[in-house]
Amino acid sequence: MKPIYFVCVLLCLATAFAARPVHAQTETVLYSFTGGSDGGGPQSRLTSDGAGNFYGTTFEGGVGNFGVGYGTVFELSPNGSGGWNETVLYSFKGGEDGANPSSPVIFDSAGNLYGTTGSGGIKGNGVVFELSRAGKKWKEAVLHKFIGTDGANPAGGLIMDAAANLYGTTQNGPAGTAIVFELSRSGGTWTEQVIYTIDQPLLVGLPNGLTMDAARNIFGSTLFTVFELSPDGLGAWNPIVLHTFTGGLKDGAYARGTLVLDQAGNLYGTAAYGGAYGQQIGGYGTVYKLSHGRKGWTEKILYFFKGGPNDGYGPAAGIVFDQAGNIYGTTANGGEFNLGTVFELVTPVGKGSHKEKVLWSFNGPDGFFPFSSLMLDDAGDLYGTTIAGGSTDQGGSSGNGVVFMVTP
């Protein structure tokens, strides 16, 4: 069973539709997962190696113990004939090696991959892992097993600083907290340090992924806050809450995905609920911008989702920019079949506002419920994953997910 986090899913609305709507844009399924040894249920964004190959994780599937798949790390590479080949680099066994990854992988300068699993390890608390090439195969090394007091159930993925230290978040920790952690290496040993403890995560909200600027300041979000961690030069970090979401008509709630920084230091993100077209946290979600000025940080809502067949709602991931400043993202619901969308927010001219274009409405066989942010290539094509749908879909109610490309 794939976990569907904060978004209401209305599968019954999809069964009556079979035809694809007419769009100026096109969507191509690069790979459709079967849920078997190749994996299934991808929830994370893709990572590129710069040579045209994509890397990601699946929450389930693979070759685990006793015939049960606990997720994979996969590579998708062009086959030279217009298609794509999927290669499973590692299948999690569900034990101390980790289980059920829902976050992306990242590369270091040597070509090693790093990621997290939300469970497995010690007492099911999750792990941080590294995959390195061993000839034609990949070998996993577990860098850290969470024991609970140092955090549990990492989510949101990892970031790496210039010194190759790793940073991430966990959804749980001691006494009902959540954790931001740092992993640093000395010789062949990795050491974890808890750098920020989020008290009362059920009230403040579970943490998402992290972003770091050139000065090593870390930015992150929970369901109801945006925060900054600044290094004090002595090995500690100073926390500041930049914004608290109200969930009202002029704001959002349930912030999702990883924040994005622009060149001017502004922060951009999405909220799954709230907004002008709903009341409290019952709205359809927003895309927001946080700007720093003399009086602190100020929020501006760039777009209020409206729901319905001509719009999306419930964004569950962050956004990406193109060189012209246009914004691209996904919603987990809404669109013509209520199975999610890929959208564009066109940058305004002068003092105008952002205009939304639905680039694609998922219909089931082409995927549904995109829970990952997008990747943008130099040609302007968008790549992402959906946790369900694909070639094994039965009328918008099943399937094991896809990797897709949308050409705006």
Protein backbone atom coordinates (compact mmCIF):
# COMPACT_ATOMS: atom_id res chain seq x y z
CA MET A 1 0.00 0.00 0.00
CA LYS A 2 1.53 3.29 -1.07
CA PRO A 3 1.31 6.03 1.58
CA ILE A 4 -0.67 9.03 0.36
CA TYR A 5 0.34 11.81 2.74
CA PHE A 6 -1.67 15.04 3.25
CA VAL A 7 -3.71 14.99 0.02
CA CYS A 8 -7.27 13.76 -0.35
CA VAL A 9 -7.41 11.12 -3.07
CA LEU A 10 -10.60 10.64 -5.08
CA LEU A 11 -9.96 7.56 -7.15
CA CYS A 12 -13.57 7.03 -8.12
CA LEU A 13 -13.60 10.13 -10.31
CA ALA A 14 -11.07 8.61 -12.71
CA THR A 15 -12.83 5.43 -13.71
CA ALA A 16 -15.22 7.07 -16.13
CA PHE A 17 -12.47 8.53 -18.33
CA ALA A 18 -10.36 6.86 -20.98
CA ALA A 19 -9.53 9.44 -23.65
CA ARG A 20 -6.61 11.83 -23.29
CA PRO A 21 -7.42 15.55 -23.52
CA VAL A 22 -6.04 17.64 -26.35
CA HIS A 23 -3.00 19.64 -25.18
CA ALA A 24 -0.45 21.80 -26.90
CA GLN A 25 2.06 20.10 -24.64
CA THR A 26 3.02 16.43 -24.80
CA GLU A 27 3.73 13.85 -22.12
CA THR A 28 5.87 10.76 -22.67
CA VAL A 29 6.14 7.84 -20.27
CA LEU A 30 9.84 6.98 -20.21
CA TYR A 31 9.37 3.99 -17.95
CA SER A 32 6.42 2.25 -16.33
CA PHE A 33 7.22 0.28 -13.16
CA THR A 34 5.75 -3.18 -12.69
CA GLY A 35 6.07 -3.35 -8.90
CA GLY A 36 8.25 -6.46 -9.17
CA SER A 37 12.03 -6.69 -9.25
CA ASP A 38 12.22 -3.33 -11.07
CA GLY A 39 10.59 -1.46 -8.17
CA GLY A 40 7.35 0.45 -7.75
CA GLY A 41 5.81 3.55 -6.22
CA PRO A 42 8.50 6.20 -6.83
CA GLN A 43 7.93 9.22 -4.58
CA SER A 44 11.10 11.25 -5.06
CA ARG A 45 12.45 13.60 -7.70
CA LEU A 46 15.04 12.45 -10.23
CA THR A 47 18.77 13.20 -10.18
CA SER A 48 20.87 13.56 -13.34
CA ASP A 49 24.52 12.60 -13.78
CA GLY A 50 24.95 15.22 -16.51
CA ALA A 51 25.36 12.56 -19.20
CA GLY A 52 21.65 12.07 -19.85
CA ASN A 53 21.05 9.34 -17.27
CA PHE A 54 18.52 9.69 -14.45
CA TYR A 55 18.65 8.21 -10.94
CA GLY A 56 15.91 7.80 -8.36
CA THR A 57 14.33 5.58 -5.73
CA THR A 58 11.20 3.46 -5.51
CA PHE A 59 9.35 2.99 -2.23
CA GLU A 60 8.64 -0.69 -2.85
CA GLY A 61 9.51 -3.54 -5.17
CA GLY A 62 12.96 -4.88 -5.93
CA VAL A 63 14.42 -8.17 -4.75
CA GLY A 64 14.26 -8.30 -0.94
CA ASN A 65 14.10 -11.04 1.65
CA PHE A 66 11.44 -13.77 1.49
CA GLY A 67 10.14 -12.47 -1.82
CA VAL A 68 9.17 -9.07 -0.39
CA GLY A 69 10.51 -5.94 -2.08
CA TYR A 70 11.57 -3.07 0.16
CA GLY A 71 12.38 -0.53 -2.53
CA THR A 72 15.19 0.22 -4.94
CA VAL A 73 17.69 2.73 -6.25
CA PHE A 74 17.43 2.75 -10.04
CA GLU A 75 19.09 4.22 -13.11
CA LEU A 76 17.21 5.17 -16.27
CA SER A 77 19.34 5.56 -19.39
CA PRO A 78 18.50 6.17 -23.08
CA ASN A 79 18.88 3.02 -25.19
CA GLY A 80 19.87 4.80 -28.42
CA SER A 81 16.64 3.86 -30.20
CA GLY A 82 14.33 6.42 -28.65
CA GLY A 83 13.51 4.33 -25.60
CA TRP A 84 14.86 3.98 -22.07
CA ASN A 85 16.36 1.13 -20.09
CA GLU A 86 15.90 0.79 -16.34
CA THR A 87 18.64 -0.77 -14.22
CA VAL A 88 18.20 -1.51 -10.53
CA LEU A 89 21.42 -0.44 -8.82
CA TYR A 90 20.36 -1.72 -5.40
CA SER A 91 17.40 -3.58 -3.90
CA PHE A 92 16.84 -3.02 -0.19
CA LYS A 93 16.46 -6.18 1.88
CA GLY A 94 14.42 -4.61 4.67
CA GLY A 95 16.97 -5.28 7.43
CA GLU A 96 19.90 -3.23 8.62
CA ASP A 97 20.54 -2.07 5.05
CA GLY A 98 17.34 -0.01 5.14
CA ALA A 99 13.86 -0.19 3.66
CA ASN A 100 11.33 1.88 1.70
CA PRO A 101 13.22 4.95 0.43
CA SER A 102 10.96 7.91 -0.36
CA SER A 103 13.63 10.57 -0.86
CA PRO A 104 15.98 11.29 -3.80
CA VAL A 105 19.64 10.37 -4.14
CA ILE A 106 22.50 12.83 -4.66
CA PHE A 107 26.00 12.50 -6.15
CA ASP A 108 29.35 13.48 -4.70
CA SER A 109 32.27 14.59 -6.88
CA ALA A 110 33.54 11.00 -7.13
CA GLY A 111 30.25 9.67 -8.53
CA ASN A 112 29.01 7.99 -5.34
CA LEU A 113 25.30 8.16 -4.53
CA TYR A 114 23.84 9.08 -1.13
CA GLY A 115 20.31 8.75 0.19
CA THR A 116 18.06 7.77 3.07
CA THR A 117 15.45 5.15 3.83
CA GLY A 118 12.51 5.87 6.08
CA SER A 119 12.58 2.48 7.77
CA GLY A 120 14.86 -0.51 8.21
CA GLY A 121 18.14 -0.19 10.07
CA ILE A 122 17.79 -0.57 13.85
CA LYS A 123 14.24 -1.05 15.10
CA GLY A 124 12.86 0.33 11.84
CA ASN A 125 14.22 3.85 12.37
CA GLY A 126 15.83 4.23 8.95
CA VAL A 127 19.37 4.71 7.63
CA VAL A 128 21.65 6.99 5.62
CA PHE A 129 23.36 5.00 2.86
CA GLU A 130 26.03 5.34 0.19
CA LEU A 131 26.19 3.47 -3.12
CA SER A 132 29.57 3.18 -4.82
CA ARG A 133 30.59 1.42 -8.00
CA ALA A 134 32.27 -1.97 -7.62
CA GLY A 135 33.15 -2.92 -11.18
CA LYS A 136 29.88 -3.11 -13.11
CA LYS A 137 27.83 -3.34 -9.92
CA TRP A 138 27.02 -0.98 -7.07
CA LYS A 139 27.80 -1.70 -3.42
CA GLU A 140 25.84 -0.28 -0.50
CA ALA A 141 27.45 1.03 2.69
CA VAL A 142 25.25 2.12 5.60
CA LEU A 143 26.73 5.35 6.94
CA HIS A 144 24.33 5.78 9.86
CA LYS A 145 21.55 3.79 11.51
CA PHE A 146 19.13 5.91 13.50
CA ILE A 147 18.42 4.65 17.01
CA GLY A 148 15.65 7.07 18.00
CA THR A 149 17.44 9.44 20.36
CA ASP A 150 19.34 10.82 17.35
CA GLY A 151 16.24 10.93 15.16
CA ALA A 152 14.13 8.37 13.38
CA ASN A 153 12.53 7.92 9.95
CA PRO A 154 14.50 10.36 7.76
CA ALA A 155 12.56 12.12 5.03
CA GLY A 156 13.16 14.84 2.49
CA GLY A 157 16.53 13.69 1.18
CA LEU A 158 20.09 14.89 1.77
CA ILE A 159 22.16 17.92 0.86
CA MET A 160 25.98 18.10 0.84
CA ASP A 161 28.20 21.09 1.61
CA ALA A 162 31.60 21.94 0.08
CA ALA A 163 33.36 19.84 2.73
CA ALA A 164 31.24 16.78 1.81
CA ASN A 165 29.24 16.88 5.04
CA LEU A 166 25.68 15.58 4.70
CA TYR A 167 22.55 17.20 6.12
CA GLY A 168 18.99 15.90 6.38
CA THR A 169 15.83 15.69 8.45
CA THR A 170 13.95 13.01 10.35
CA GLN A 171 10.22 12.91 10.95
CA ASN A 172 10.61 11.60 14.50
CA GLY A 173 12.99 11.84 17.44
CA PRO A 174 13.07 11.61 21.23
CA ALA A 175 10.03 12.75 23.22
CA GLY A 176 7.89 13.63 20.21
CA THR A 177 10.42 15.81 18.41
CA ALA A 178 11.76 15.91 14.85
CA ILE A 179 15.44 16.37 13.94
CA VAL A 180 17.76 18.19 11.55
CA PHE A 181 21.06 16.30 11.48
CA GLU A 182 24.60 16.59 10.12
CA LEU A 183 26.82 13.65 9.14
CA SER A 184 30.55 14.36 8.93
CA ARG A 185 33.35 11.99 7.95
CA SER A 186 36.73 11.63 9.59
CA GLY A 187 38.80 8.96 7.94
CA GLY A 188 36.40 6.12 7.22
CA THR A 189 34.00 6.92 10.08
CA TRP A 190 30.83 8.99 9.86
CA THR A 191 29.57 10.85 12.93
CA GLU A 192 26.06 12.24 13.36
CA GLN A 193 25.31 15.51 15.15
CA VAL A 194 21.80 16.77 15.90
CA ILE A 195 21.93 20.44 14.88
CA TYR A 196 18.26 21.39 15.38
CA THR A 197 15.42 19.82 17.33
CA ILE A 198 11.89 20.64 16.22
CA ASP A 199 9.65 20.52 19.29
CA GLN A 200 6.04 19.37 19.04
CA PRO A 201 6.25 18.33 15.38
CA LEU A 202 2.55 17.43 15.33
CA LEU A 203 1.79 21.09 16.01
CA VAL A 204 4.67 22.74 14.16
CA GLY A 205 4.69 20.09 11.45
CA LEU A 206 6.93 17.39 10.09
CA PRO A 207 10.07 18.64 8.29
CA ASN A 208 10.66 18.64 4.54
CA GLY A 209 13.94 18.72 2.60
CA LEU A 210 16.71 21.25 3.18
CA THR A 211 18.38 23.94 1.05
CA MET A 212 21.80 25.56 1.68
CA ASP A 213 23.11 28.90 0.41
CA ALA A 214 26.72 29.82 -0.38
CA ALA A 215 27.28 31.05 3.19
CA ARG A 216 26.27 27.63 4.58
CA ASN A 217 22.97 28.87 5.95
CA ILE A 218 20.37 26.08 5.89
CA PHE A 219 16.73 26.72 5.01
CA GLY A 220 13.92 24.29 5.61
CA SER A 221 10.21 24.04 6.23
CA THR A 222 7.79 22.11 8.38
CA LEU A 223 4.08 21.84 7.73
CA PHE A 224 3.47 25.17 9.43
CA THR A 225 6.81 27.04 9.51
CA VAL A 226 9.80 28.08 7.40
CA PHE A 227 13.08 28.19 9.33
CA GLU A 228 16.75 29.09 8.87
CA LEU A 229 19.79 27.55 10.60
CA SER A 230 22.91 29.75 10.59
CA PRO A 231 26.35 28.42 11.65
CA ASP A 232 27.81 30.35 14.59
CA GLY A 233 31.43 29.56 13.69
CA LEU A 234 31.90 27.41 16.79
CA GLY A 235 30.21 24.25 15.57
CA ALA A 236 26.66 25.16 16.63
CA TRP A 237 23.70 26.48 14.66
CA ASN A 238 21.35 29.39 15.40
CA PRO A 239 17.69 28.70 14.51
CA ILE A 240 15.31 31.42 13.29
CA VAL A 241 11.65 30.96 12.28
CA LEU A 242 11.17 33.04 9.12
CA HIS A 243 7.45 32.47 8.61
CA THR A 244 4.53 30.76 10.33
CA PHE A 245 1.65 29.63 8.12
CA THR A 246 -1.88 30.44 9.26
CA GLY A 247 -3.81 28.29 6.81
CA GLY A 248 -6.21 31.15 6.18
CA LEU A 249 -7.56 32.77 3.04
CA LYS A 250 -4.39 34.80 2.40
CA ASP A 251 -1.89 32.10 3.35
CA GLY A 252 -1.24 28.39 3.06
CA ALA A 253 -0.61 25.45 5.37
CA TYR A 254 1.06 22.06 5.15
CA ALA A 255 4.18 23.32 3.41
CA ARG A 256 5.59 20.59 1.18
CA GLY A 257 8.77 19.81 -0.71
CA THR A 258 12.19 21.42 -0.65
CA LEU A 259 12.56 25.20 -0.68
CA VAL A 260 14.23 26.83 -3.69
CA LEU A 261 16.54 29.86 -3.49
CA ASP A 262 16.85 32.36 -6.33
CA GLN A 263 19.96 34.44 -7.02
CA ALA A 264 18.60 37.31 -4.92
CA GLY A 265 18.17 35.10 -1.86
CA ASN A 266 14.37 34.80 -2.06
CA LEU A 267 12.78 31.51 -1.03
CA TYR A 268 10.02 29.70 -2.95
CA GLY A 269 7.84 26.78 -1.91
CA THR A 270 4.39 25.22 -1.98
CA ALA A 271 1.68 24.57 0.59
CA ALA A 272 -0.74 21.70 0.08
CA TYR A 273 -3.70 23.40 1.77
CA GLY A 274 -5.03 26.87 2.54
CA GLY A 275 -5.43 29.75 0.17
CA ALA A 276 -8.08 32.08 -1.15
CA TYR A 277 -10.30 29.33 -2.55
CA GLY A 278 -10.82 27.50 0.75
CA GLN A 279 -11.19 28.16 4.42
CA GLN A 280 -8.48 27.37 6.98
CA ILE A 281 -6.58 24.24 5.92
CA GLY A 282 -9.41 23.18 3.65
CA GLY A 283 -8.19 25.26 0.70
CA TYR A 284 -6.52 24.01 -2.45
CA GLY A 285 -2.96 25.11 -1.76
CA THR A 286 -0.54 27.81 -2.82
CA VAL A 287 2.83 28.66 -4.36
CA TYR A 288 4.55 31.23 -2.17
CA LYS A 289 7.64 33.46 -2.10
CA LEU A 290 9.51 34.71 0.98
CA SER A 291 11.62 37.85 0.60
CA HIS A 292 14.02 39.35 3.15
CA GLY A 293 13.89 43.07 3.88
CA ARG A 294 14.68 45.53 6.64
CA LYS A 295 11.71 44.35 8.71
CA GLY A 296 12.40 40.66 8.28
CA TRP A 297 10.88 38.15 5.90
CA THR A 298 7.67 38.85 3.99
CA GLU A 299 5.46 36.26 2.31
CA LYS A 300 3.80 36.82 -1.07
CA ILE A 301 1.39 34.28 -2.54
CA LEU A 302 2.25 33.83 -6.22
CA TYR A 303 -0.69 31.54 -6.98
CA PHE A 304 -3.80 30.18 -5.25
CA PHE A 305 -4.88 26.82 -6.68
CA LYS A 306 -8.58 26.60 -7.50
CA GLY A 307 -9.12 22.87 -7.91
CA GLY A 308 -11.46 21.45 -10.50
CA PRO A 309 -10.82 20.09 -14.00
CA ASN A 310 -9.01 23.20 -15.25
CA ASP A 311 -6.56 23.52 -12.38
CA GLY A 312 -4.65 21.40 -9.91
CA TYR A 313 -4.68 21.30 -6.13
CA GLY A 314 -2.72 19.83 -3.27
CA PRO A 315 0.89 20.42 -4.40
CA ALA A 316 3.06 17.87 -2.61
CA ALA A 317 6.51 18.93 -3.85
CA GLY A 318 8.68 21.98 -4.50
CA ILE A 319 9.15 23.97 -7.70
CA VAL A 320 11.85 24.60 -10.32
CA PHE A 321 12.72 27.70 -12.40
CA ASP A 322 13.73 28.12 -16.00
CA GLN A 323 16.15 30.85 -17.13
CA ALA A 324 13.28 33.26 -17.83
CA GLY A 325 11.97 32.94 -14.28
CA ASN A 326 8.95 30.80 -15.12
CA ILE A 327 8.00 28.37 -12.35
CA TYR A 328 7.15 24.68 -12.85
CA GLY A 329 5.70 22.17 -10.43
CA THR A 330 3.20 19.39 -9.82
CA THR A 331 -0.05 18.96 -7.95
CA ALA A 332 -1.03 15.58 -6.55
CA ASN A 333 -4.72 16.12 -7.35
CA GLY A 334 -6.89 18.14 -9.69
CA GLY A 335 -6.79 18.39 -13.44
CA GLU A 336 -9.24 16.88 -15.90
CA PHE A 337 -9.20 13.45 -14.27
CA ASN A 338 -8.46 14.56 -10.69
CA LEU A 339 -5.22 12.54 -10.83
CA GLY A 340 -2.75 15.42 -10.65
CA THR A 341 -1.14 17.95 -12.95
CA VAL A 342 2.09 19.48 -14.19
CA PHE A 343 1.77 23.27 -14.12
CA GLU A 344 3.66 26.37 -15.17
CA LEU A 345 3.46 29.81 -13.55
CA VAL A 346 4.42 32.31 -16.23
CA THR A 347 6.60 35.12 -14.89
CA PRO A 348 4.75 38.44 -14.87
CA VAL A 349 5.65 41.46 -16.96
CA GLY A 350 6.18 44.57 -14.87
CA LYS A 351 3.85 44.62 -11.86
CA GLY A 352 1.54 41.90 -13.16
CA SER A 353 0.84 38.61 -11.46
CA HIS A 354 1.88 35.06 -12.30
CA LYS A 355 -0.45 33.28 -14.72
CA GLU A 356 -0.93 29.54 -14.41
CA LYS A 357 -0.93 27.08 -17.32
CA VAL A 358 -1.80 23.42 -16.78
CA LEU A 359 0.76 21.69 -18.96
CA TRP A 360 -0.55 18.19 -18.34
CA SER A 361 -3.43 16.40 -16.60
CA PHE A 362 -2.58 12.81 -15.69
CA ASN A 363 -5.13 10.19 -16.72
CA GLY A 364 -3.91 6.91 -15.17
CA PRO A 365 -2.05 4.95 -17.86
CA ASP A 366 0.32 7.93 -18.20
CA GLY A 367 0.75 8.04 -14.40
CA PHE A 368 -1.09 9.66 -11.53
CA PHE A 369 -0.42 11.31 -8.18
CA PRO A 370 2.94 13.04 -8.78
CA PHE A 371 4.53 13.52 -5.35
CA SER A 372 7.93 14.68 -6.60
CA SER A 373 9.32 17.98 -7.81
CA LEU A 374 10.41 18.26 -11.43
CA MET A 375 13.79 18.29 -13.11
CA LEU A 376 14.34 20.73 -16.01
CA ASP A 377 16.87 20.06 -18.77
CA ASP A 378 18.64 22.56 -21.01
CA ALA A 379 16.06 22.06 -23.76
CA GLY A 380 13.21 23.03 -21.43
CA ASP A 381 11.81 19.51 -21.02
CA LEU A 382 10.45 18.52 -17.60
CA TYR A 383 11.02 15.14 -15.95
CA GLY A 384 9.38 13.60 -12.90
CA THR A 385 7.78 10.58 -11.29
CA THR A 386 4.30 9.52 -10.20
CA ILE A 387 3.69 7.07 -7.37
CA ALA A 388 0.94 5.22 -9.24
CA GLY A 389 -0.48 4.66 -12.71
CA GLY A 390 1.37 3.38 -15.74
CA SER A 391 1.01 0.32 -17.94
CA THR A 392 -0.49 -1.78 -15.13
CA ASP A 393 -3.15 0.84 -14.30
CA GLN A 394 -6.77 -0.21 -14.37
CA GLY A 395 -8.83 2.91 -15.00
CA GLY A 396 -7.00 5.33 -12.73
CA SER A 397 -7.12 3.17 -9.61
CA SER A 398 -3.86 1.20 -9.56
CA GLY A 399 -0.48 0.89 -11.22
CA ASN A 400 3.03 1.10 -9.86
CA GLY A 401 4.12 4.51 -11.07
CA VAL A 402 6.07 5.98 -13.96
CA VAL A 403 8.96 8.21 -14.93
CA PHE A 404 7.61 10.83 -17.33
CA MET A 405 8.69 13.71 -19.54
CA VAL A 406 6.54 16.73 -20.34
CA THR A 407 7.51 18.99 -23.23
CA PRO A 408 5.96 22.47 -22.64
